[in-house]
Amino acid sequence: MTHLAGALARPGQQRDLDNAAARGMEAIDIAESLHSTYSVARLRSLYREMKPHSKVPAVRDFVERARGLVAV
């Protein structure tokens, strides 16, 4: 999910920040159930990539929820 979200967040024709945020939320759900350091590391990377786009409501929701999990 984090790889898909990252691809959707990158500049280009495929950019879809709302969809990226939705996939990011799914990744958070999965990471919370797995307690995986790899998953948290991937979320941290996605968090950093998405944070500059926090004016988009869905992205802001993702960033707020991810903040506690990734502890940046």
N, C-alpha and C. Protein backbone atom coordinates (compact mmCIF):
# COMPACT_ATOMS: atom_id res chain seq x y z
N MET A 1 0.81 -1.19 0.00
CA MET A 1 0.00 0.00 0.00
C MET A 1 0.86 1.27 0.00
N THR A 2 1.94 1.25 0.76
CA THR A 2 2.77 2.46 0.83
C THR A 2 3.45 2.74 -0.51
N HIS A 3 3.83 1.71 -1.23
CA HIS A 3 4.45 1.91 -2.54
C HIS A 3 3.43 2.51 -3.51
N LEU A 4 2.21 2.00 -3.50
CA LEU A 4 1.16 2.54 -4.35
C LEU A 4 0.84 3.97 -3.96
N ALA A 5 0.72 4.24 -2.68
CA ALA A 5 0.43 5.60 -2.22
C ALA A 5 1.54 6.56 -2.64
N GLY A 6 2.77 6.13 -2.51
CA GLY A 6 3.90 6.97 -2.91
C GLY A 6 3.87 7.28 -4.39
N ALA A 7 3.56 6.28 -5.19
CA ALA A 7 3.48 6.48 -6.65
C ALA A 7 2.36 7.48 -6.99
N LEU A 8 1.25 7.38 -6.29
CA LEU A 8 0.13 8.28 -6.55
C LEU A 8 0.41 9.71 -6.06
N ALA A 9 1.34 9.86 -5.14
CA ALA A 9 1.66 11.18 -4.59
C ALA A 9 2.72 11.91 -5.42
N ARG A 10 3.47 11.18 -6.21
CA ARG A 10 4.56 11.80 -6.99
C ARG A 10 4.00 12.63 -8.14
N PRO A 11 4.73 13.68 -8.51
CA PRO A 11 4.30 14.49 -9.65
C PRO A 11 4.21 13.67 -10.92
N GLY A 12 3.27 14.02 -11.74
CA GLY A 12 3.09 13.34 -13.02
C GLY A 12 1.62 13.10 -13.30
N GLN A 13 1.38 12.48 -14.41
CA GLN A 13 0.01 12.24 -14.86
C GLN A 13 -0.78 11.37 -13.88
N GLN A 14 -0.10 10.47 -13.16
CA GLN A 14 -0.76 9.56 -12.24
C GLN A 14 -1.10 10.20 -10.89
N ARG A 15 -0.62 11.44 -10.63
CA ARG A 15 -0.79 12.05 -9.31
C ARG A 15 -2.27 12.12 -8.94
N ASP A 16 -2.56 11.59 -7.76
CA ASP A 16 -3.92 11.61 -7.21
C ASP A 16 -3.75 11.61 -5.69
N LEU A 17 -3.68 12.81 -5.11
CA LEU A 17 -3.38 12.93 -3.68
C LEU A 17 -4.47 12.35 -2.80
N ASP A 18 -5.72 12.48 -3.21
CA ASP A 18 -6.81 11.90 -2.41
C ASP A 18 -6.68 10.38 -2.36
N ASN A 19 -6.41 9.77 -3.49
CA ASN A 19 -6.25 8.32 -3.55
C ASN A 19 -4.98 7.90 -2.80
N ALA A 20 -3.92 8.69 -2.92
CA ALA A 20 -2.68 8.39 -2.19
C ALA A 20 -2.95 8.40 -0.69
N ALA A 21 -3.70 9.38 -0.22
CA ALA A 21 -4.02 9.46 1.21
C ALA A 21 -4.87 8.26 1.64
N ALA A 22 -5.82 7.86 0.81
CA ALA A 22 -6.66 6.71 1.14
C ALA A 22 -5.82 5.44 1.24
N ARG A 23 -4.89 5.24 0.30
CA ARG A 23 -4.01 4.07 0.37
C ARG A 23 -3.10 4.17 1.59
N GLY A 24 -2.68 5.38 1.93
CA GLY A 24 -1.87 5.58 3.13
C GLY A 24 -2.62 5.20 4.39
N MET A 25 -3.89 5.55 4.45
CA MET A 25 -4.72 5.17 5.61
C MET A 25 -4.83 3.65 5.71
N GLU A 26 -4.99 2.98 4.58
CA GLU A 26 -5.03 1.52 4.58
C GLU A 26 -3.71 0.96 5.09
N ALA A 27 -2.61 1.57 4.67
CA ALA A 27 -1.30 1.12 5.12
C ALA A 27 -1.14 1.30 6.63
N ILE A 28 -1.69 2.37 7.17
CA ILE A 28 -1.65 2.58 8.63
C ILE A 28 -2.41 1.47 9.33
N ASP A 29 -3.61 1.15 8.82
CA ASP A 29 -4.40 0.06 9.42
C ASP A 29 -3.60 -1.23 9.46
N ILE A 30 -2.94 -1.54 8.35
CA ILE A 30 -2.16 -2.78 8.26
C ILE A 30 -0.97 -2.72 9.22
N ALA A 31 -0.25 -1.61 9.21
CA ALA A 31 0.94 -1.47 10.06
C ALA A 31 0.59 -1.58 11.54
N GLU A 32 -0.54 -1.02 11.92
CA GLU A 32 -0.95 -1.09 13.33
C GLU A 32 -1.23 -2.53 13.76
N SER A 33 -1.72 -3.34 12.84
CA SER A 33 -2.02 -4.72 13.21
C SER A 33 -0.77 -5.61 13.16
N LEU A 34 0.23 -5.21 12.37
CA LEU A 34 1.44 -6.03 12.22
C LEU A 34 2.54 -5.69 13.23
N HIS A 35 2.59 -4.47 13.67
CA HIS A 35 3.68 -4.01 14.54
C HIS A 35 5.03 -4.29 13.89
N SER A 36 5.14 -3.94 12.63
CA SER A 36 6.34 -4.21 11.83
C SER A 36 7.19 -2.96 11.70
N THR A 37 8.47 -3.08 12.00
CA THR A 37 9.37 -1.93 11.86
C THR A 37 9.52 -1.53 10.39
N TYR A 38 9.50 -2.51 9.48
CA TYR A 38 9.57 -2.20 8.05
C TYR A 38 8.36 -1.38 7.63
N SER A 39 7.18 -1.78 8.07
CA SER A 39 5.96 -1.05 7.71
C SER A 39 6.01 0.38 8.23
N VAL A 40 6.49 0.54 9.44
CA VAL A 40 6.60 1.88 10.03
C VAL A 40 7.62 2.71 9.24
N ALA A 41 8.71 2.11 8.84
CA ALA A 41 9.71 2.82 8.05
C ALA A 41 9.12 3.28 6.72
N ARG A 42 8.36 2.43 6.07
CA ARG A 42 7.71 2.80 4.80
C ARG A 42 6.70 3.92 5.03
N LEU A 43 5.94 3.85 6.12
CA LEU A 43 4.98 4.91 6.44
C LEU A 43 5.70 6.22 6.73
N ARG A 44 6.83 6.14 7.39
CA ARG A 44 7.61 7.36 7.68
C ARG A 44 8.02 8.04 6.38
N SER A 45 8.46 7.26 5.43
CA SER A 45 8.84 7.79 4.13
C SER A 45 7.64 8.42 3.42
N LEU A 46 6.51 7.73 3.45
CA LEU A 46 5.29 8.26 2.83
C LEU A 46 4.84 9.53 3.54
N TYR A 47 4.92 9.54 4.85
CA TYR A 47 4.55 10.71 5.64
C TYR A 47 5.36 11.93 5.19
N ARG A 48 6.66 11.75 5.03
CA ARG A 48 7.53 12.86 4.61
C ARG A 48 7.19 13.32 3.20
N GLU A 49 6.81 12.38 2.35
CA GLU A 49 6.46 12.72 0.97
C GLU A 49 5.12 13.46 0.91
N MET A 50 4.20 13.08 1.76
CA MET A 50 2.84 13.64 1.71
C MET A 50 2.70 14.94 2.50
N LYS A 51 3.50 15.13 3.52
CA LYS A 51 3.35 16.27 4.42
C LYS A 51 3.30 17.63 3.69
N PRO A 52 4.10 17.86 2.66
CA PRO A 52 4.02 19.16 1.97
C PRO A 52 2.67 19.42 1.31
N HIS A 53 1.85 18.40 1.17
CA HIS A 53 0.54 18.53 0.52
C HIS A 53 -0.60 18.56 1.53
N SER A 54 -0.30 18.92 2.76
CA SER A 54 -1.28 18.86 3.85
C SER A 54 -2.46 19.81 3.68
N LYS A 55 -2.43 20.70 2.70
CA LYS A 55 -3.59 21.57 2.46
C LYS A 55 -4.76 20.78 1.87
N VAL A 56 -4.46 19.63 1.27
CA VAL A 56 -5.50 18.75 0.76
C VAL A 56 -6.10 18.02 1.97
N PRO A 57 -7.41 18.13 2.20
CA PRO A 57 -8.02 17.56 3.41
C PRO A 57 -7.69 16.08 3.65
N ALA A 58 -7.75 15.26 2.62
CA ALA A 58 -7.47 13.82 2.81
C ALA A 58 -6.01 13.60 3.21
N VAL A 59 -5.13 14.39 2.65
CA VAL A 59 -3.71 14.29 3.00
C VAL A 59 -3.49 14.74 4.43
N ARG A 60 -4.15 15.83 4.81
CA ARG A 60 -4.04 16.32 6.19
C ARG A 60 -4.49 15.24 7.17
N ASP A 61 -5.58 14.55 6.87
CA ASP A 61 -6.06 13.47 7.74
C ASP A 61 -5.02 12.36 7.85
N PHE A 62 -4.42 11.99 6.71
CA PHE A 62 -3.37 10.96 6.73
C PHE A 62 -2.20 11.41 7.58
N VAL A 63 -1.72 12.63 7.36
CA VAL A 63 -0.56 13.14 8.08
C VAL A 63 -0.82 13.18 9.58
N GLU A 64 -2.00 13.62 9.97
CA GLU A 64 -2.32 13.67 11.40
C GLU A 64 -2.35 12.28 12.02
N ARG A 65 -2.94 11.33 11.30
CA ARG A 65 -3.02 9.97 11.84
C ARG A 65 -1.66 9.29 11.85
N ALA A 66 -0.87 9.52 10.81
CA ALA A 66 0.44 8.87 10.72
C ALA A 66 1.44 9.44 11.68
N ARG A 67 1.30 10.70 12.06
CA ARG A 67 2.28 11.38 12.90
C ARG A 67 2.61 10.58 14.16
N GLY A 68 1.60 10.09 14.85
CA GLY A 68 1.83 9.34 16.08
C GLY A 68 2.51 8.00 15.85
N LEU A 69 2.24 7.40 14.72
CA LEU A 69 2.81 6.09 14.43
C LEU A 69 4.26 6.17 13.99
N VAL A 70 4.58 7.18 13.22
CA VAL A 70 5.94 7.27 12.66
C VAL A 70 6.89 8.05 13.56
N ALA A 71 6.38 8.80 14.52
CA ALA A 71 7.18 9.54 15.50
C ALA A 71 8.40 10.19 14.88
N VAL A 72 8.14 11.11 13.92
CA VAL A 72 9.26 11.80 13.25
C VAL A 72 9.71 12.99 14.06
